[in-house]
Amino acid sequence: MQRILLALLMLFVVSGSSRTTLAQQPTAKQIEAGAALYRKVGCFQCHVNEGQGGANGPRLGPNPIPLPRFIQYVRKPAGDMPPYSAKVLSERELGDIYAFLQTRKAPPPVNTIPQLAP
């Protein structure tokens, strides 16, 4: 029984790999397109320029939520975020935005910033 479950899990992971490969190894072209879309559709207005989050939207990158969940949330968000249908942003375009968010640099540790260090 455990072998069957493991085999099914492996099949699920392999079948979903074409979708997640885009998100795992973004190209420079995807990152550039994602950055442009991020600005064009107004993501920066709530999530700020680098996806770091702000007063009106949570942090999106670096290390965003998994791509399938990201797409699901963008399509049917909670709270004040407007939904973005496939007519507004295709799945490929969402993948490009995701690639942009994945490549954002992590902020430096607080103790390395002289103005913020204790």
C-alpha atoms as a PDB file:
ATOM      1  CA  MET A   1       0.000   0.000   0.000  1.00  0.00           C
ATOM      2  CA  GLN A   2       2.801   2.396   0.908  1.00  0.00           C
ATOM      3  CA  ARG A   3       4.504   1.664  -2.420  1.00  0.00           C
ATOM      4  CA  ILE A   4       1.327   2.540  -4.301  1.00  0.00           C
ATOM      5  CA  LEU A   5       0.985   5.814  -2.420  1.00  0.00           C
ATOM      6  CA  LEU A   6       4.644   6.611  -3.023  1.00  0.00           C
ATOM      7  CA  ALA A   7       4.263   5.805  -6.737  1.00  0.00           C
ATOM      8  CA  LEU A   8       1.201   8.057  -6.974  1.00  0.00           C
ATOM      9  CA  LEU A   9       3.043  10.850  -5.195  1.00  0.00           C
ATOM     10  CA  MET A  10       6.000  10.513  -7.567  1.00  0.00           C
ATOM     11  CA  LEU A  11       3.642  10.569 -10.561  1.00  0.00           C
ATOM     12  CA  PHE A  12       1.998  13.721  -9.225  1.00  0.00           C
ATOM     13  CA  VAL A  13       5.366  15.429  -8.714  1.00  0.00           C
ATOM     14  CA  VAL A  14       6.635  14.454 -12.172  1.00  0.00           C
ATOM     15  CA  SER A  15       3.403  15.472 -13.909  1.00  0.00           C
ATOM     16  CA  GLY A  16       3.516  18.893 -12.271  1.00  0.00           C
ATOM     17  CA  SER A  17       7.181  19.441 -13.016  1.00  0.00           C
ATOM     18  CA  SER A  18       6.642  21.226 -16.332  1.00  0.00           C
ATOM     19  CA  ARG A  19       4.744  23.961 -14.521  1.00  0.00           C
ATOM     20  CA  THR A  20       7.206  24.327 -11.666  1.00  0.00           C
ATOM     21  CA  THR A  21      10.337  24.150 -13.843  1.00  0.00           C
ATOM     22  CA  LEU A  22       9.521  27.626 -15.120  1.00  0.00           C
ATOM     23  CA  ALA A  23       9.466  28.876 -11.563  1.00  0.00           C
ATOM     24  CA  GLN A  24      12.563  26.970 -10.434  1.00  0.00           C
ATOM     25  CA  GLN A  25      14.979  28.138 -13.107  1.00  0.00           C
ATOM     26  CA  PRO A  26      13.846  31.484 -14.483  1.00  0.00           C
ATOM     27  CA  THR A  27      15.604  32.916 -17.504  1.00  0.00           C
ATOM     28  CA  ALA A  28      16.739  36.515 -17.805  1.00  0.00           C
ATOM     29  CA  LYS A  29      13.988  37.041 -20.393  1.00  0.00           C
ATOM     30  CA  GLN A  30      11.318  35.764 -17.957  1.00  0.00           C
ATOM     31  CA  ILE A  31      12.650  37.934 -15.135  1.00  0.00           C
ATOM     32  CA  GLU A  32      12.699  41.030 -17.355  1.00  0.00           C
ATOM     33  CA  ALA A  33       9.191  40.333 -18.676  1.00  0.00           C
ATOM     34  CA  GLY A  34       7.968  39.668 -15.137  1.00  0.00           C
ATOM     35  CA  ALA A  35       9.431  42.934 -13.863  1.00  0.00           C
ATOM     36  CA  ALA A  36       7.719  44.849 -16.666  1.00  0.00           C
ATOM     37  CA  LEU A  37       4.363  43.140 -16.010  1.00  0.00           C
ATOM     38  CA  TYR A  38       4.722  43.682 -12.256  1.00  0.00           C
ATOM     39  CA  ARG A  39       4.906  47.420 -12.949  1.00  0.00           C
ATOM     40  CA  LYS A  40       2.378  47.485 -15.804  1.00  0.00           C
ATOM     41  CA  VAL A  41      -0.500  45.820 -13.933  1.00  0.00           C
ATOM     42  CA  GLY A  42       0.204  47.744 -10.730  1.00  0.00           C
ATOM     43  CA  CYS A  43       1.516  45.045  -8.359  1.00  0.00           C
ATOM     44  CA  PHE A  44       4.093  47.559  -7.115  1.00  0.00           C
ATOM     45  CA  GLN A  45       1.364  49.852  -5.804  1.00  0.00           C
ATOM     46  CA  CYS A  46       0.635  47.516  -2.881  1.00  0.00           C
ATOM     47  CA  HIS A  47       3.586  45.137  -2.772  1.00  0.00           C
ATOM     48  CA  VAL A  48       6.213  47.845  -3.446  1.00  0.00           C
ATOM     49  CA  ASN A  49       8.893  47.879  -6.162  1.00  0.00           C
ATOM     50  CA  GLU A  50      10.751  44.693  -5.269  1.00  0.00           C
ATOM     51  CA  GLY A  51       7.835  42.689  -3.876  1.00  0.00           C
ATOM     52  CA  GLN A  52       9.046  43.332  -0.341  1.00  0.00           C
ATOM     53  CA  GLY A  53       5.565  44.302   0.831  1.00  0.00           C
ATOM     54  CA  GLY A  54       4.223  47.531   2.184  1.00  0.00           C
ATOM     55  CA  ALA A  55       1.345  49.069   4.083  1.00  0.00           C
ATOM     56  CA  ASN A  56      -1.236  47.792   1.578  1.00  0.00           C
ATOM     57  CA  GLY A  57       0.153  44.411   0.512  1.00  0.00           C
ATOM     58  CA  PRO A  58       2.226  41.549   1.938  1.00  0.00           C
ATOM     59  CA  ARG A  59       5.758  40.560   0.960  1.00  0.00           C
ATOM     60  CA  LEU A  60       5.836  38.469  -2.220  1.00  0.00           C
ATOM     61  CA  GLY A  61       9.549  37.830  -2.643  1.00  0.00           C
ATOM     62  CA  PRO A  62      12.129  36.575  -2.270  1.00  0.00           C
ATOM     63  CA  ASN A  63      10.990  32.994  -1.677  1.00  0.00           C
ATOM     64  CA  PRO A  64       7.391  33.398  -2.849  1.00  0.00           C
ATOM     65  CA  ILE A  65       4.689  30.847  -2.120  1.00  0.00           C
ATOM     66  CA  PRO A  66       4.614  27.864  -4.542  1.00  0.00           C
ATOM     67  CA  LEU A  67       3.679  28.804  -8.113  1.00  0.00           C
ATOM     68  CA  PRO A  68       0.360  26.888  -8.246  1.00  0.00           C
ATOM     69  CA  ARG A  69      -0.793  28.597  -5.036  1.00  0.00           C
ATOM     70  CA  PHE A  70       0.428  31.967  -6.338  1.00  0.00           C
ATOM     71  CA  ILE A  71      -1.630  31.567  -9.515  1.00  0.00           C
ATOM     72  CA  GLN A  72      -4.663  30.399  -7.549  1.00  0.00           C
ATOM     73  CA  TYR A  73      -4.451  33.387  -5.204  1.00  0.00           C
ATOM     74  CA  VAL A  74      -4.017  35.927  -8.002  1.00  0.00           C
ATOM     75  CA  ARG A  75      -7.095  34.497  -9.723  1.00  0.00           C
ATOM     76  CA  LYS A  76      -9.239  34.412  -6.555  1.00  0.00           C
ATOM     77  CA  PRO A  77      -7.657  36.614  -3.865  1.00  0.00           C
ATOM     78  CA  ALA A  78      -8.866  37.326  -0.370  1.00  0.00           C
ATOM     79  CA  GLY A  79      -9.037  40.758   1.188  1.00  0.00           C
ATOM     80  CA  ASP A  80      -8.706  43.931  -0.859  1.00  0.00           C
ATOM     81  CA  MET A  81      -6.646  42.576  -3.762  1.00  0.00           C
ATOM     82  CA  PRO A  82      -8.515  42.629  -7.069  1.00  0.00           C
ATOM     83  CA  PRO A  83      -8.713  39.349  -9.008  1.00  0.00           C
ATOM     84  CA  TYR A  84      -6.647  39.018 -12.189  1.00  0.00           C
ATOM     85  CA  SER A  85      -8.425  36.757 -14.681  1.00  0.00           C
ATOM     86  CA  ALA A  86      -6.684  34.913 -17.496  1.00  0.00           C
ATOM     87  CA  LYS A  87      -7.892  37.718 -19.797  1.00  0.00           C
ATOM     88  CA  VAL A  88      -5.803  40.197 -17.790  1.00  0.00           C
ATOM     89  CA  LEU A  89      -2.774  37.985 -17.016  1.00  0.00           C
ATOM     90  CA  SER A  90      -2.137  34.654 -18.709  1.00  0.00           C
ATOM     91  CA  GLU A  91      -0.603  31.781 -16.797  1.00  0.00           C
ATOM     92  CA  ARG A  92       2.666  32.392 -18.684  1.00  0.00           C
ATOM     93  CA  GLU A  93       2.620  36.040 -17.622  1.00  0.00           C
ATOM     94  CA  LEU A  94       1.984  35.029 -14.015  1.00  0.00           C
ATOM     95  CA  GLY A  95       4.943  32.665 -14.355  1.00  0.00           C
ATOM     96  CA  ASP A  96       7.077  35.597 -15.521  1.00  0.00           C
ATOM     97  CA  ILE A  97       5.982  37.723 -12.561  1.00  0.00           C
ATOM     98  CA  TYR A  98       6.751  34.765 -10.308  1.00  0.00           C
ATOM     99  CA  ALA A  99      10.230  34.478 -11.872  1.00  0.00           C
ATOM    100  CA  PHE A 100      10.807  38.167 -11.090  1.00  0.00           C
ATOM    101  CA  LEU A 101       9.703  37.669  -7.476  1.00  0.00           C
ATOM    102  CA  GLN A 102      11.884  34.584  -7.066  1.00  0.00           C
ATOM    103  CA  THR A 103      14.995  36.529  -7.978  1.00  0.00           C
ATOM    104  CA  ARG A 104      14.547  39.392  -5.552  1.00  0.00           C
ATOM    105  CA  LYS A 105      17.415  39.702  -3.114  1.00  0.00           C
ATOM    106  CA  ALA A 106      16.820  38.964   0.543  1.00  0.00           C
ATOM    107  CA  PRO A 107      17.250  42.001   2.778  1.00  0.00           C
ATOM    108  CA  PRO A 108      20.394  42.151   4.900  1.00  0.00           C
ATOM    109  CA  PRO A 109      20.136  41.055   8.535  1.00  0.00           C
ATOM    110  CA  VAL A 110      19.031  43.910  10.790  1.00  0.00           C
ATOM    111  CA  ASN A 111      22.205  43.682  12.901  1.00  0.00           C
ATOM    112  CA  THR A 112      24.312  44.510   9.807  1.00  0.00           C
ATOM    113  CA  ILE A 113      22.534  47.842   9.243  1.00  0.00           C
ATOM    114  CA  PRO A 114      24.255  50.435  11.470  1.00  0.00           C
ATOM    115  CA  GLN A 115      21.139  52.587  11.855  1.00  0.00           C
ATOM    116  CA  LEU A 116      19.096  49.594  13.042  1.00  0.00           C
ATOM    117  CA  ALA A 117      21.658  47.610  14.997  1.00  0.00           C
ATOM    118  CA  PRO A 118      21.205  47.586  18.773  1.00  0.00           C
END
